[in-house]
Amino acid sequence: MDSNMMEQLKIRQLVENWAVWRDAGDWDRFRTVWHDDGVMMATWFQGPFEEFIKVTIEGWNKGVSILHFLGGSSIDVNGHRAISQTKMTISQRGLVQDVLCDVTCTGRFYDFFEERNGRWGLVHRQPIYEKDRIDPLDSSAQLHLDAKKLSAYPEGYRHLAYIQTDIGYTVKMDMPMLKGAEVQSLYARGKDWLEGKPLVR
């Protein structure tokens, strides 16, 4: 195994630890995935990872249920910096019009990693939202979404935005999706990061 592959494996392990420890609420170990200045971006939250932990716990206490599932990854390493892209699915359960539903959103975690003092850590996580859907748990339930409201949200995460708005979150409307200016800008920021340039938040 060459040194580049070894670094890729270390980063992939951090990506997997993020999902397992976050969804399990293992916050002490979850913190070890990040560097101190790490920032988390999501439809419903944007800010430092410590604040992300705080608001996630608050959401849990209110009954918010969000889980993450991972797929394949592609990791580019250049010296002490790396960009990792990992296929993922976000699954959120909640009430829509008094009907218990699952919303699933498929996309990628686009992660900015850096090795500092011999330790890789996450500096910035930006999900890319590609497509989503909503399904009642009871297949016989009748769900009538507000078509005008639904169409107002970005295509890649409109059902996720629908349920998150209903439970009181403010959803960011310009997140990167499969296509468009936002994702192209993200790719450019990733390229700059690998070349050693400062990270533009």
Protein backbone atom coordinates (compact mmCIF):
# COMPACT_ATOMS: atom_id res chain seq x y z
CA MET A 1 0.00 0.00 0.00
CA ASP A 2 1.49 3.35 -1.03
CA SER A 3 1.44 6.41 1.21
CA ASN A 4 -1.30 8.17 -0.77
CA MET A 5 -3.67 5.25 -0.32
CA MET A 6 -2.88 5.16 3.39
CA GLU A 7 -3.89 8.81 3.74
CA GLN A 8 -7.07 8.14 1.75
CA LEU A 9 -7.98 5.33 4.14
CA LYS A 10 -7.45 7.58 7.16
CA ILE A 11 -9.78 10.17 5.66
CA ARG A 12 -12.41 7.60 4.69
CA GLN A 13 -12.40 6.35 8.27
CA LEU A 14 -13.09 9.89 9.48
CA VAL A 15 -16.01 10.18 7.06
CA GLU A 16 -17.48 6.92 8.34
CA ASN A 17 -16.86 7.88 11.97
CA TRP A 18 -18.72 11.16 11.38
CA ALA A 19 -21.89 9.33 10.32
CA VAL A 20 -21.77 6.63 13.00
CA TRP A 21 -20.87 8.89 15.92
CA ARG A 22 -23.21 11.73 14.94
CA ASP A 23 -26.21 9.44 14.52
CA ALA A 24 -25.38 7.62 17.77
CA GLY A 25 -24.93 10.87 19.69
CA ASP A 26 -21.36 9.93 20.65
CA TRP A 27 -20.34 13.55 20.86
CA ASP A 28 -16.92 13.17 22.51
CA ARG A 29 -15.69 10.93 19.70
CA PHE A 30 -17.59 12.98 17.08
CA ARG A 31 -15.49 16.01 18.06
CA THR A 32 -12.30 14.13 17.17
CA VAL A 33 -13.32 14.07 13.50
CA TRP A 34 -13.04 17.87 13.31
CA HIS A 35 -10.36 20.51 13.60
CA ASP A 36 -11.20 23.27 16.08
CA ASP A 37 -12.27 25.70 13.33
CA GLY A 38 -14.43 23.12 11.54
CA VAL A 39 -17.68 24.32 9.96
CA MET A 40 -20.79 22.28 9.14
CA MET A 41 -23.16 23.26 6.35
CA ALA A 42 -26.65 21.78 6.01
CA THR A 43 -30.04 22.84 4.72
CA TRP A 44 -31.15 23.71 8.25
CA PHE A 45 -27.85 24.78 9.86
CA GLN A 46 -24.64 26.58 8.88
CA GLY A 47 -21.89 27.23 11.40
CA PRO A 48 -19.20 25.87 13.74
CA PHE A 49 -19.38 22.16 14.49
CA GLU A 50 -19.75 22.73 18.23
CA GLU A 51 -22.89 24.75 17.56
CA PHE A 52 -24.03 21.97 15.21
CA ILE A 53 -23.73 19.51 18.11
CA LYS A 54 -25.72 21.86 20.37
CA VAL A 55 -28.62 22.36 17.96
CA THR A 56 -28.66 18.68 17.02
CA ILE A 57 -29.12 17.73 20.66
CA GLU A 58 -31.85 20.35 20.97
CA GLY A 59 -33.56 18.85 17.94
CA TRP A 60 -33.31 15.35 19.35
CA ASN A 61 -34.99 16.52 22.54
CA LYS A 62 -37.88 17.83 20.41
CA GLY A 63 -38.21 14.54 18.52
CA VAL A 64 -36.29 15.43 15.32
CA SER A 65 -35.01 12.24 13.66
CA ILE A 66 -32.28 12.53 11.00
CA LEU A 67 -29.97 9.65 10.02
CA HIS A 68 -27.16 9.27 7.46
CA PHE A 69 -26.13 6.40 5.21
CA LEU A 70 -22.88 6.33 3.22
CA GLY A 71 -21.85 4.94 -0.14
CA GLY A 72 -18.70 5.07 -2.23
CA SER A 73 -16.10 7.81 -2.00
CA SER A 74 -13.47 9.58 -4.05
CA ILE A 75 -10.61 11.23 -2.16
CA ASP A 76 -7.98 13.55 -3.62
CA VAL A 77 -4.91 14.14 -1.45
CA ASN A 78 -2.28 16.78 -2.09
CA GLY A 79 0.29 17.02 0.67
CA HIS A 80 -1.45 18.01 3.90
CA ARG A 81 -4.78 18.78 2.25
CA ALA A 82 -7.54 16.66 0.81
CA ILE A 83 -10.99 16.84 -0.76
CA SER A 84 -13.31 13.92 -0.11
CA GLN A 85 -16.58 13.25 -1.93
CA THR A 86 -18.80 10.54 -0.48
CA LYS A 87 -22.16 9.33 -1.76
CA MET A 88 -24.74 9.63 1.01
CA THR A 89 -28.41 9.52 1.85
CA ILE A 90 -30.05 11.71 4.48
CA SER A 91 -33.16 10.18 6.01
CA GLN A 92 -35.50 12.35 8.08
CA ARG A 93 -38.70 11.13 9.75
CA GLY A 94 -41.47 13.48 10.79
CA LEU A 95 -45.09 14.52 10.49
CA VAL A 96 -46.39 16.09 7.30
CA GLN A 97 -50.04 17.10 7.56
CA ASP A 98 -50.33 14.79 10.57
CA VAL A 99 -49.03 11.85 8.51
CA LEU A 100 -45.78 10.24 9.67
CA CYS A 101 -43.38 10.27 6.72
CA ASP A 102 -39.81 9.49 5.74
CA VAL A 103 -37.97 11.96 3.54
CA THR A 104 -34.86 10.60 1.83
CA CYS A 105 -32.37 12.84 0.07
CA THR A 106 -29.51 11.45 -1.99
CA GLY A 107 -26.34 13.39 -2.64
CA ARG A 108 -22.69 13.72 -1.67
CA PHE A 109 -20.71 14.98 1.27
CA TYR A 110 -18.05 17.31 -0.13
CA ASP A 111 -15.41 17.62 2.58
CA PHE A 112 -12.35 19.81 3.04
CA PHE A 113 -9.75 17.95 5.12
CA GLU A 114 -6.36 19.06 6.42
CA GLU A 115 -3.54 17.29 8.24
CA ARG A 116 -2.28 19.35 11.16
CA ASN A 117 0.39 18.17 13.58
CA GLY A 118 0.13 14.67 12.14
CA ARG A 119 -3.68 14.45 12.48
CA TRP A 120 -6.25 14.65 9.70
CA GLY A 121 -9.38 16.59 10.57
CA LEU A 122 -12.47 18.01 8.91
CA VAL A 123 -12.31 21.74 8.22
CA HIS A 124 -15.50 22.24 6.21
CA ARG A 125 -18.38 19.96 5.20
CA GLN A 126 -20.68 20.99 2.36
CA PRO A 127 -23.35 18.51 1.26
CA ILE A 128 -24.41 18.40 -2.37
CA TYR A 129 -28.14 17.66 -2.68
CA GLU A 130 -29.04 15.69 -5.81
CA LYS A 131 -32.60 14.37 -5.46
CA ASP A 132 -35.15 13.55 -2.77
CA ARG A 133 -38.59 12.08 -2.12
CA ILE A 134 -41.19 11.75 0.61
CA ASP A 135 -43.03 8.57 1.59
CA PRO A 136 -45.75 8.01 4.21
CA LEU A 137 -44.94 5.14 6.57
CA ASP A 138 -48.51 3.95 6.12
CA SER A 139 -48.81 3.17 2.42
CA SER A 140 -52.57 3.67 2.59
CA ALA A 141 -52.27 7.22 3.95
CA GLN A 142 -53.36 10.08 1.71
CA LEU A 143 -50.76 12.85 1.56
CA HIS A 144 -51.57 16.05 -0.30
CA LEU A 145 -48.55 18.32 -0.44
CA ASP A 146 -48.95 22.01 -1.21
CA ALA A 147 -47.68 22.02 -4.80
CA LYS A 148 -46.97 25.75 -4.85
CA LYS A 149 -45.01 25.58 -1.61
CA LEU A 150 -43.11 22.49 -2.74
CA SER A 151 -42.10 24.01 -6.08
CA ALA A 152 -40.67 27.05 -4.32
CA TYR A 153 -37.86 24.98 -2.82
CA PRO A 154 -34.70 23.95 -4.74
CA GLU A 155 -35.22 20.80 -6.82
CA GLY A 156 -32.47 18.73 -5.20
CA TYR A 157 -33.87 18.98 -1.68
CA ARG A 158 -37.40 20.33 -1.97
CA HIS A 159 -39.10 17.54 0.01
CA LEU A 160 -36.45 17.80 2.73
CA ALA A 161 -36.99 21.56 2.85
CA TYR A 162 -40.75 21.04 2.99
CA ILE A 163 -40.62 18.91 6.13
CA GLN A 164 -37.84 20.93 7.77
CA THR A 165 -39.73 24.19 7.28
CA ASP A 166 -42.88 22.61 8.70
CA ILE A 167 -41.09 21.76 11.96
CA GLY A 168 -39.69 25.26 12.32
CA TYR A 169 -36.27 25.32 10.66
CA THR A 170 -35.14 28.06 8.28
CA VAL A 171 -33.83 26.33 5.16
CA LYS A 172 -30.92 27.72 3.15
CA MET A 173 -32.14 28.13 -0.43
CA ASP A 174 -28.86 28.18 -2.38
CA MET A 175 -27.17 24.91 -1.44
CA PRO A 176 -25.18 23.07 -4.15
CA MET A 177 -27.12 20.52 -6.19
CA LEU A 178 -26.17 18.13 -8.99
CA LYS A 179 -25.92 20.99 -11.50
CA GLY A 180 -25.70 24.75 -11.36
CA ALA A 181 -23.50 27.67 -10.38
CA GLU A 182 -23.37 26.74 -6.70
CA VAL A 183 -21.85 23.30 -7.25
CA GLN A 184 -19.41 24.64 -9.84
CA SER A 185 -18.29 27.26 -7.32
CA LEU A 186 -17.83 24.49 -4.74
CA TYR A 187 -15.66 22.48 -7.12
CA ALA A 188 -13.53 25.59 -7.75
CA ARG A 189 -13.11 26.12 -4.00
CA GLY A 190 -12.06 22.48 -3.66
CA LYS A 191 -9.46 22.88 -6.40
CA ASP A 192 -8.10 25.99 -4.72
CA TRP A 193 -7.96 24.18 -1.38
CA LEU A 194 -5.88 21.37 -2.85
CA GLU A 195 -3.53 23.94 -4.35
CA GLY A 196 -2.91 25.46 -0.92
CA LYS A 197 -5.07 28.54 -1.20
CA PRO A 198 -7.18 29.84 1.73
CA LEU A 199 -10.63 28.36 2.17
CA VAL A 200 -13.39 30.77 1.17
CA ARG A 201 -16.39 30.03 3.40
